Amino acid sequence: MPLYIKDDRIDDLARRYQAAVKAPSKTEAVRLALQRALDEQLGQPTLAEVAAGFCRNLRSKANLNKGLPADKAFRDSLYD
């Protein structure tokens, strides 16, 4: 299915991109731009991956196996 560009600003951007990447045609320039944008978008981590990484980082900084236990006596001593 053909792609018709009816907006002069978009046509200008496509021509400028074509010249910048030395694409043989505007169609190829648009294909390259869209492919790069899609690859960039799909290469970004998901929100779940970002959250999991944040939790791993926080846990590693917490040193869970070191320090004194926070038992009742310790918590009560905070109010003295």
PDB file of N, CA and C in Angstrom:
ATOM      1  N   MET A   1       0.849  -1.175   0.000  1.00  0.00           N
ATOM      2  CA  MET A   1       0.000   0.000   0.000  1.00  0.00           C
ATOM      3  C   MET A   1       0.898   1.243   0.000  1.00  0.00           C
ATOM      4  N   PRO A   2       0.664   2.166  -0.887  1.00  0.00           N
ATOM      5  CA  PRO A   2       1.518   3.356  -0.965  1.00  0.00           C
ATOM      6  C   PRO A   2       1.299   4.301   0.212  1.00  0.00           C
ATOM      7  N   LEU A   3       2.319   5.070   0.482  1.00  0.00           N
ATOM      8  CA  LEU A   3       2.270   6.076   1.537  1.00  0.00           C
ATOM      9  C   LEU A   3       2.378   7.437   0.865  1.00  0.00           C
ATOM     10  N   TYR A   4       1.334   8.221   0.986  1.00  0.00           N
ATOM     11  CA  TYR A   4       1.331   9.560   0.409  1.00  0.00           C
ATOM     12  C   TYR A   4       1.515  10.583   1.516  1.00  0.00           C
ATOM     13  N   ILE A   5       2.478  11.463   1.326  1.00  0.00           N
ATOM     14  CA  ILE A   5       2.745  12.511   2.304  1.00  0.00           C
ATOM     15  C   ILE A   5       2.074  13.785   1.801  1.00  0.00           C
ATOM     16  N   LYS A   6       1.077  14.231   2.549  1.00  0.00           N
ATOM     17  CA  LYS A   6       0.298  15.393   2.124  1.00  0.00           C
ATOM     18  C   LYS A   6       0.651  16.658   2.888  1.00  0.00           C
ATOM     19  N   ASP A   7       1.483  16.538   3.887  1.00  0.00           N
ATOM     20  CA  ASP A   7       1.885  17.673   4.707  1.00  0.00           C
ATOM     21  C   ASP A   7       3.260  18.142   4.234  1.00  0.00           C
ATOM     22  N   ASP A   8       3.367  19.418   3.886  1.00  0.00           N
ATOM     23  CA  ASP A   8       4.630  19.951   3.373  1.00  0.00           C
ATOM     24  C   ASP A   8       5.758  19.870   4.400  1.00  0.00           C
ATOM     25  N   ARG A   9       5.440  20.039   5.679  1.00  0.00           N
ATOM     26  CA  ARG A   9       6.467  19.961   6.714  1.00  0.00           C
ATOM     27  C   ARG A   9       7.026  18.544   6.825  1.00  0.00           C
ATOM     28  N   ILE A  10       6.145  17.560   6.735  1.00  0.00           N
ATOM     29  CA  ILE A  10       6.587  16.164   6.802  1.00  0.00           C
ATOM     30  C   ILE A  10       7.409  15.826   5.566  1.00  0.00           C
ATOM     31  N   ASP A  11       6.969  16.311   4.411  1.00  0.00           N
ATOM     32  CA  ASP A  11       7.710  16.091   3.174  1.00  0.00           C
ATOM     33  C   ASP A  11       9.111  16.693   3.282  1.00  0.00           C
ATOM     34  N   ASP A  12       9.207  17.893   3.849  1.00  0.00           N
ATOM     35  CA  ASP A  12      10.505  18.540   4.030  1.00  0.00           C
ATOM     36  C   ASP A  12      11.386  17.740   4.981  1.00  0.00           C
ATOM     37  N   LEU A  13      10.803  17.252   6.076  1.00  0.00           N
ATOM     38  CA  LEU A  13      11.571  16.426   7.020  1.00  0.00           C
ATOM     39  C   LEU A  13      12.071  15.152   6.343  1.00  0.00           C
ATOM     40  N   ALA A  14      11.223  14.534   5.545  1.00  0.00           N
ATOM     41  CA  ALA A  14      11.611  13.305   4.844  1.00  0.00           C
ATOM     42  C   ALA A  14      12.752  13.590   3.870  1.00  0.00           C
ATOM     43  N   ARG A  15      12.676  14.700   3.141  1.00  0.00           N
ATOM     44  CA  ARG A  15      13.760  15.064   2.201  1.00  0.00           C
ATOM     45  C   ARG A  15      15.065  15.349   2.953  1.00  0.00           C
ATOM     46  N   ARG A  16      14.962  16.067   4.069  1.00  0.00           N
ATOM     47  CA  ARG A  16      16.165  16.374   4.855  1.00  0.00           C
ATOM     48  C   ARG A  16      16.777  15.099   5.429  1.00  0.00           C
ATOM     49  N   TYR A  17      15.938  14.191   5.910  1.00  0.00           N
ATOM     50  CA  TYR A  17      16.435  12.927   6.456  1.00  0.00           C
ATOM     51  C   TYR A  17      17.054  12.084   5.344  1.00  0.00           C
ATOM     52  N   GLN A  18      16.423  12.093   4.185  1.00  0.00           N
ATOM     53  CA  GLN A  18      16.952  11.371   3.034  1.00  0.00           C
ATOM     54  C   GLN A  18      18.366  11.849   2.713  1.00  0.00           C
ATOM     55  N   ALA A  19      18.553  13.159   2.720  1.00  0.00           N
ATOM     56  CA  ALA A  19      19.880  13.712   2.438  1.00  0.00           C
ATOM     57  C   ALA A  19      20.875  13.368   3.547  1.00  0.00           C
ATOM     58  N   ALA A  20      20.410  13.416   4.787  1.00  0.00           N
ATOM     59  CA  ALA A  20      21.304  13.157   5.924  1.00  0.00           C
ATOM     60  C   ALA A  20      21.819  11.725   5.941  1.00  0.00           C
ATOM     61  N   VAL A  21      20.951  10.768   5.607  1.00  0.00           N
ATOM     62  CA  VAL A  21      21.359   9.358   5.645  1.00  0.00           C
ATOM     63  C   VAL A  21      21.746   8.836   4.273  1.00  0.00           C
ATOM     64  N   LYS A  22      21.660   9.718   3.287  1.00  0.00           N
ATOM     65  CA  LYS A  22      22.003   9.363   1.914  1.00  0.00           C
ATOM     66  C   LYS A  22      21.173   8.183   1.412  1.00  0.00           C
ATOM     67  N   ALA A  23      19.886   8.229   1.716  1.00  0.00           N
ATOM     68  CA  ALA A  23      18.959   7.191   1.249  1.00  0.00           C
ATOM     69  C   ALA A  23      18.648   7.430  -0.226  1.00  0.00           C
ATOM     70  N   PRO A  24      18.417   6.368  -0.982  1.00  0.00           N
ATOM     71  CA  PRO A  24      18.159   6.527  -2.412  1.00  0.00           C
ATOM     72  C   PRO A  24      16.806   7.167  -2.733  1.00  0.00           C
ATOM     73  N   SER A  25      15.875   7.114  -1.781  1.00  0.00           N
ATOM     74  CA  SER A  25      14.550   7.695  -2.028  1.00  0.00           C
ATOM     75  C   SER A  25      13.940   8.165  -0.714  1.00  0.00           C
ATOM     76  N   LYS A  26      12.890   8.978  -0.829  1.00  0.00           N
ATOM     77  CA  LYS A  26      12.179   9.419   0.378  1.00  0.00           C
ATOM     78  C   LYS A  26      11.527   8.224   1.058  1.00  0.00           C
ATOM     79  N   THR A  27      11.017   7.311   0.258  1.00  0.00           N
ATOM     80  CA  THR A  27      10.374   6.122   0.831  1.00  0.00           C
ATOM     81  C   THR A  27      11.359   5.341   1.691  1.00  0.00           C
ATOM     82  N   GLU A  28      12.564   5.155   1.182  1.00  0.00           N
ATOM     83  CA  GLU A  28      13.585   4.442   1.946  1.00  0.00           C
ATOM     84  C   GLU A  28      13.976   5.235   3.187  1.00  0.00           C
ATOM     85  N   ALA A  29      14.043   6.546   3.088  1.00  0.00           N
ATOM     86  CA  ALA A  29      14.365   7.386   4.242  1.00  0.00           C
ATOM     87  C   ALA A  29      13.295   7.255   5.319  1.00  0.00           C
ATOM     88  N   VAL A  30      12.041   7.280   4.919  1.00  0.00           N
ATOM     89  CA  VAL A  30      10.943   7.126   5.881  1.00  0.00           C
ATOM     90  C   VAL A  30      10.994   5.739   6.507  1.00  0.00           C
ATOM     91  N   ARG A  31      11.268   4.707   5.694  1.00  0.00           N
ATOM     92  CA  ARG A  31      11.371   3.345   6.230  1.00  0.00           C
ATOM     93  C   ARG A  31      12.490   3.260   7.257  1.00  0.00           C
ATOM     94  N   LEU A  32      13.653   3.848   6.952  1.00  0.00           N
ATOM     95  CA  LEU A  32      14.777   3.834   7.894  1.00  0.00           C
ATOM     96  C   LEU A  32      14.438   4.566   9.187  1.00  0.00           C
ATOM     97  N   ALA A  33      13.824   5.730   9.068  1.00  0.00           N
ATOM     98  CA  ALA A  33      13.473   6.514  10.251  1.00  0.00           C
ATOM     99  C   ALA A  33      12.478   5.765  11.132  1.00  0.00           C
ATOM    100  N   LEU A  34      11.473   5.182  10.505  1.00  0.00           N
ATOM    101  CA  LEU A  34      10.474   4.433  11.279  1.00  0.00           C
ATOM    102  C   LEU A  34      11.084   3.194  11.917  1.00  0.00           C
ATOM    103  N   GLN A  35      11.960   2.509  11.189  1.00  0.00           N
ATOM    104  CA  GLN A  35      12.604   1.308  11.742  1.00  0.00           C
ATOM    105  C   GLN A  35      13.480   1.670  12.932  1.00  0.00           C
ATOM    106  N   ARG A  36      14.240   2.762  12.809  1.00  0.00           N
ATOM    107  CA  ARG A  36      15.091   3.195  13.929  1.00  0.00           C
ATOM    108  C   ARG A  36      14.257   3.595  15.141  1.00  0.00           C
ATOM    109  N   ALA A  37      13.172   4.314  14.907  1.00  0.00           N
ATOM    110  CA  ALA A  37      12.302   4.720  16.011  1.00  0.00           C
ATOM    111  C   ALA A  37      11.681   3.503  16.690  1.00  0.00           C
ATOM    112  N   LEU A  38      11.252   2.524  15.896  1.00  0.00           N
ATOM    113  CA  LEU A  38      10.654   1.314  16.451  1.00  0.00           C
ATOM    114  C   LEU A  38      11.680   0.495  17.227  1.00  0.00           C
ATOM    115  N   ASP A  39      12.874   0.344  16.668  1.00  0.00           N
ATOM    116  CA  ASP A  39      13.934  -0.393  17.370  1.00  0.00           C
ATOM    117  C   ASP A  39      14.275   0.267  18.701  1.00  0.00           C
ATOM    118  N   GLU A  40      14.332   1.594  18.695  1.00  0.00           N
ATOM    119  CA  GLU A  40      14.627   2.329  19.931  1.00  0.00           C
ATOM    120  C   GLU A  40      13.522   2.112  20.961  1.00  0.00           C
ATOM    121  N   GLN A  41      12.281   2.183  20.519  1.00  0.00           N
ATOM    122  CA  GLN A  41      11.151   2.019  21.434  1.00  0.00           C
ATOM    123  C   GLN A  41      11.106   0.603  22.007  1.00  0.00           C
ATOM    124  N   LEU A  42      11.319  -0.388  21.159  1.00  0.00           N
ATOM    125  CA  LEU A  42      11.259  -1.776  21.614  1.00  0.00           C
ATOM    126  C   LEU A  42      12.474  -2.153  22.451  1.00  0.00           C
ATOM    127  N   GLY A  43      13.572  -1.404  22.312  1.00  0.00           N
ATOM    128  CA  GLY A  43      14.776  -1.687  23.075  1.00  0.00           C
ATOM    129  C   GLY A  43      14.745  -1.141  24.485  1.00  0.00           C
ATOM    130  N   GLN A  44      13.788  -0.304  24.790  1.00  0.00           N
ATOM    131  CA  GLN A  44      13.692   0.268  26.130  1.00  0.00           C
ATOM    132  C   GLN A  44      13.114  -0.766  27.095  1.00  0.00           C
ATOM    133  N   PRO A  45      13.613  -0.768  28.332  1.00  0.00           N
ATOM    134  CA  PRO A  45      13.080  -1.719  29.309  1.00  0.00           C
ATOM    135  C   PRO A  45      11.631  -1.388  29.675  1.00  0.00           C
ATOM    136  N   THR A  46      10.891  -2.428  30.005  1.00  0.00           N
ATOM    137  CA  THR A  46       9.510  -2.232  30.426  1.00  0.00           C
ATOM    138  C   THR A  46       9.489  -1.658  31.842  1.00  0.00           C
ATOM    139  N   LEU A  47       8.337  -1.170  32.249  1.00  0.00           N
ATOM    140  CA  LEU A  47       8.203  -0.629  33.601  1.00  0.00           C
ATOM    141  C   LEU A  47       8.482  -1.711  34.639  1.00  0.00           C
ATOM    142  N   ALA A  48       8.064  -2.934  34.374  1.00  0.00           N
ATOM    143  CA  ALA A  48       8.318  -4.037  35.305  1.00  0.00           C
ATOM    144  C   ALA A  48       9.816  -4.303  35.437  1.00  0.00           C
ATOM    145  N   GLU A  49      10.554  -4.227  34.326  1.00  0.00           N
ATOM    146  CA  GLU A  49      12.004  -4.436  34.378  1.00  0.00           C
ATOM    147  C   GLU A  49      12.692  -3.316  35.142  1.00  0.00           C
ATOM    148  N   VAL A  50      12.244  -2.099  34.953  1.00  0.00           N
ATOM    149  CA  VAL A  50      12.815  -0.962  35.678  1.00  0.00           C
ATOM    150  C   VAL A  50      12.543  -1.114  37.173  1.00  0.00           C
ATOM    151  N   ALA A  51      11.321  -1.485  37.522  1.00  0.00           N
ATOM    152  CA  ALA A  51      10.968  -1.657  38.938  1.00  0.00           C
ATOM    153  C   ALA A  51      11.765  -2.793  39.568  1.00  0.00           C
ATOM    154  N   ALA A  52      11.925  -3.905  38.853  1.00  0.00           N
ATOM    155  CA  ALA A  52      12.693  -5.028  39.390  1.00  0.00           C
ATOM    156  C   ALA A  52      14.151  -4.635  39.604  1.00  0.00           C
ATOM    157  N   GLY A  53      14.717  -3.889  38.665  1.00  0.00           N
ATOM    158  CA  GLY A  53      16.093  -3.417  38.816  1.00  0.00           C
ATOM    159  C   GLY A  53      16.235  -2.475  39.994  1.00  0.00           C
ATOM    160  N   PHE A  54      15.253  -1.595  40.169  1.00  0.00           N
ATOM    161  CA  PHE A  54      15.266  -0.677  41.309  1.00  0.00           C
ATOM    162  C   PHE A  54      15.244  -1.467  42.612  1.00  0.00           C
ATOM    163  N   CYS A  55      14.400  -2.474  42.700  1.00  0.00           N
ATOM    164  CA  CYS A  55      14.309  -3.282  43.927  1.00  0.00           C
ATOM    165  C   CYS A  55      15.609  -4.038  44.192  1.00  0.00           C
ATOM    166  N   ARG A  56      16.211  -4.602  43.136  1.00  0.00           N
ATOM    167  CA  ARG A  56      17.485  -5.306  43.313  1.00  0.00           C
ATOM    168  C   ARG A  56      18.565  -4.340  43.819  1.00  0.00           C
ATOM    169  N   ASN A  57      18.611  -3.149  43.235  1.00  0.00           N
ATOM    170  CA  ASN A  57      19.595  -2.154  43.641  1.00  0.00           C
ATOM    171  C   ASN A  57      19.374  -1.730  45.091  1.00  0.00           C
ATOM    172  N   LEU A  58      18.136  -1.487  45.453  1.00  0.00           N
ATOM    173  CA  LEU A  58      17.814  -1.080  46.818  1.00  0.00           C
ATOM    174  C   LEU A  58      18.162  -2.175  47.812  1.00  0.00           C
ATOM    175  N   ARG A  59      17.850  -3.405  47.449  1.00  0.00           N
ATOM    176  CA  ARG A  59      18.141  -4.533  48.335  1.00  0.00           C
ATOM    177  C   ARG A  59      19.644  -4.694  48.527  1.00  0.00           C
ATOM    178  N   SER A  60      20.423  -4.501  47.463  1.00  0.00           N
ATOM    179  CA  SER A  60      21.874  -4.648  47.588  1.00  0.00           C
ATOM    180  C   SER A  60      22.465  -3.553  48.467  1.00  0.00           C
ATOM    181  N   LYS A  61      21.863  -2.375  48.452  1.00  0.00           N
ATOM    182  CA  LYS A  61      22.354  -1.275  49.284  1.00  0.00           C
ATOM    183  C   LYS A  61      21.918  -1.413  50.735  1.00  0.00           C
ATOM    184  N   ALA A  62      20.894  -2.195  50.987  1.00  0.00           N
ATOM    185  CA  ALA A  62      20.346  -2.312  52.342  1.00  0.00           C
ATOM    186  C   ALA A  62      21.191  -3.168  53.256  1.00  0.00           C
ATOM    187  N   ASN A  63      22.072  -4.011  52.699  1.00  0.00           N
ATOM    188  CA  ASN A  63      22.890  -4.911  53.521  1.00  0.00           C
ATOM    189  C   ASN A  63      22.007  -5.667  54.511  1.00  0.00           C
ATOM    190  N   LEU A  64      21.092  -6.443  53.992  1.00  0.00           N
ATOM    191  CA  LEU A  64      20.107  -7.120  54.826  1.00  0.00           C
ATOM    192  C   LEU A  64      20.717  -8.076  55.838  1.00  0.00           C
ATOM    193  N   ASN A  65      21.892  -8.591  55.582  1.00  0.00           N
ATOM    194  CA  ASN A  65      22.484  -9.581  56.476  1.00  0.00           C
ATOM    195  C   ASN A  65      23.409  -8.959  57.517  1.00  0.00           C
ATOM    196  N   LYS A  66      23.508  -7.644  57.558  1.00  0.00           N
ATOM    197  CA  LYS A  66      24.415  -6.987  58.498  1.00  0.00           C
ATOM    198  C   LYS A  66      23.627  -6.088  59.441  1.00  0.00           C
ATOM    199  N   GLY A  67      24.224  -5.797  60.556  1.00  0.00           N
ATOM    200  CA  GLY A  67      23.587  -4.886  61.493  1.00  0.00           C
ATOM    201  C   GLY A  67      22.794  -5.610  62.562  1.00  0.00           C
ATOM    202  N   LEU A  68      22.259  -4.842  63.462  1.00  0.00           N
ATOM    203  CA  LEU A  68      21.505  -5.397  64.579  1.00  0.00           C
ATOM    204  C   LEU A  68      20.057  -5.618  64.176  1.00  0.00           C
ATOM    205  N   PRO A  69      19.434  -6.627  64.755  1.00  0.00           N
ATOM    206  CA  PRO A  69      18.017  -6.842  64.452  1.00  0.00           C
ATOM    207  C   PRO A  69      17.163  -5.729  65.066  1.00  0.00           C
ATOM    208  N   ALA A  70      16.101  -5.389  64.392  1.00  0.00           N
ATOM    209  CA  ALA A  70      15.208  -4.334  64.892  1.00  0.00           C
ATOM    210  C   ALA A  70      14.095  -4.993  65.701  1.00  0.00           C
ATOM    211  N   ASP A  71      14.457  -5.513  66.880  1.00  0.00           N
ATOM    212  CA  ASP A  71      13.472  -6.168  67.731  1.00  0.00           C
ATOM    213  C   ASP A  71      12.753  -5.135  68.602  1.00  0.00           C
ATOM    214  N   LYS A  72      11.863  -5.588  69.461  1.00  0.00           N
ATOM    215  CA  LYS A  72      11.066  -4.688  70.275  1.00  0.00           C
ATOM    216  C   LYS A  72      11.937  -3.827  71.179  1.00  0.00           C
ATOM    217  N   ALA A  73      12.956  -4.389  71.737  1.00  0.00           N
ATOM    218  CA  ALA A  73      13.837  -3.628  72.630  1.00  0.00           C
ATOM    219  C   ALA A  73      14.509  -2.482  71.870  1.00  0.00           C
ATOM    220  N   PHE A  74      14.945  -2.739  70.655  1.00  0.00           N
ATOM    221  CA  PHE A  74      15.577  -1.693  69.861  1.00  0.00           C
ATOM    222  C   PHE A  74      14.577  -0.588  69.526  1.00  0.00           C
ATOM    223  N   ARG A  75      13.377  -0.966  69.105  1.00  0.00           N
ATOM    224  CA  ARG A  75      12.368   0.042  68.760  1.00  0.00           C
ATOM    225  C   ARG A  75      11.975   0.856  69.987  1.00  0.00           C
ATOM    226  N   ASP A  76      11.854   0.197  71.129  1.00  0.00           N
ATOM    227  CA  ASP A  76      11.518   0.928  72.350  1.00  0.00           C
ATOM    228  C   ASP A  76      12.623   1.905  72.739  1.00  0.00           C
ATOM    229  N   SER A  77      13.875   1.547  72.446  1.00  0.00           N
ATOM    230  CA  SER A  77      14.985   2.433  72.813  1.00  0.00           C
ATOM    231  C   SER A  77      14.993   3.709  71.972  1.00  0.00           C
ATOM    232  N   LEU A  78      14.345   3.699  70.855  1.00  0.00           N
ATOM    233  CA  LEU A  78      14.265   4.887  70.006  1.00  0.00           C
ATOM    234  C   LEU A  78      13.439   6.009  70.645  1.00  0.00           C
ATOM    235  N   TYR A  79      12.559   5.637  71.566  1.00  0.00           N
ATOM    236  CA  TYR A  79      11.686   6.617  72.213  1.00  0.00           C
ATOM    237  C   TYR A  79      12.252   7.141  73.523  1.00  0.00           C
ATOM    238  N   ASP A  80      13.396   6.632  73.945  1.00  0.00           N
ATOM    239  CA  ASP A  80      14.001   7.080  75.207  1.00  0.00           C
ATOM    240  C   ASP A  80      14.730   8.381  75.056  1.00  0.00           C
TER     241      ASP A  80
END
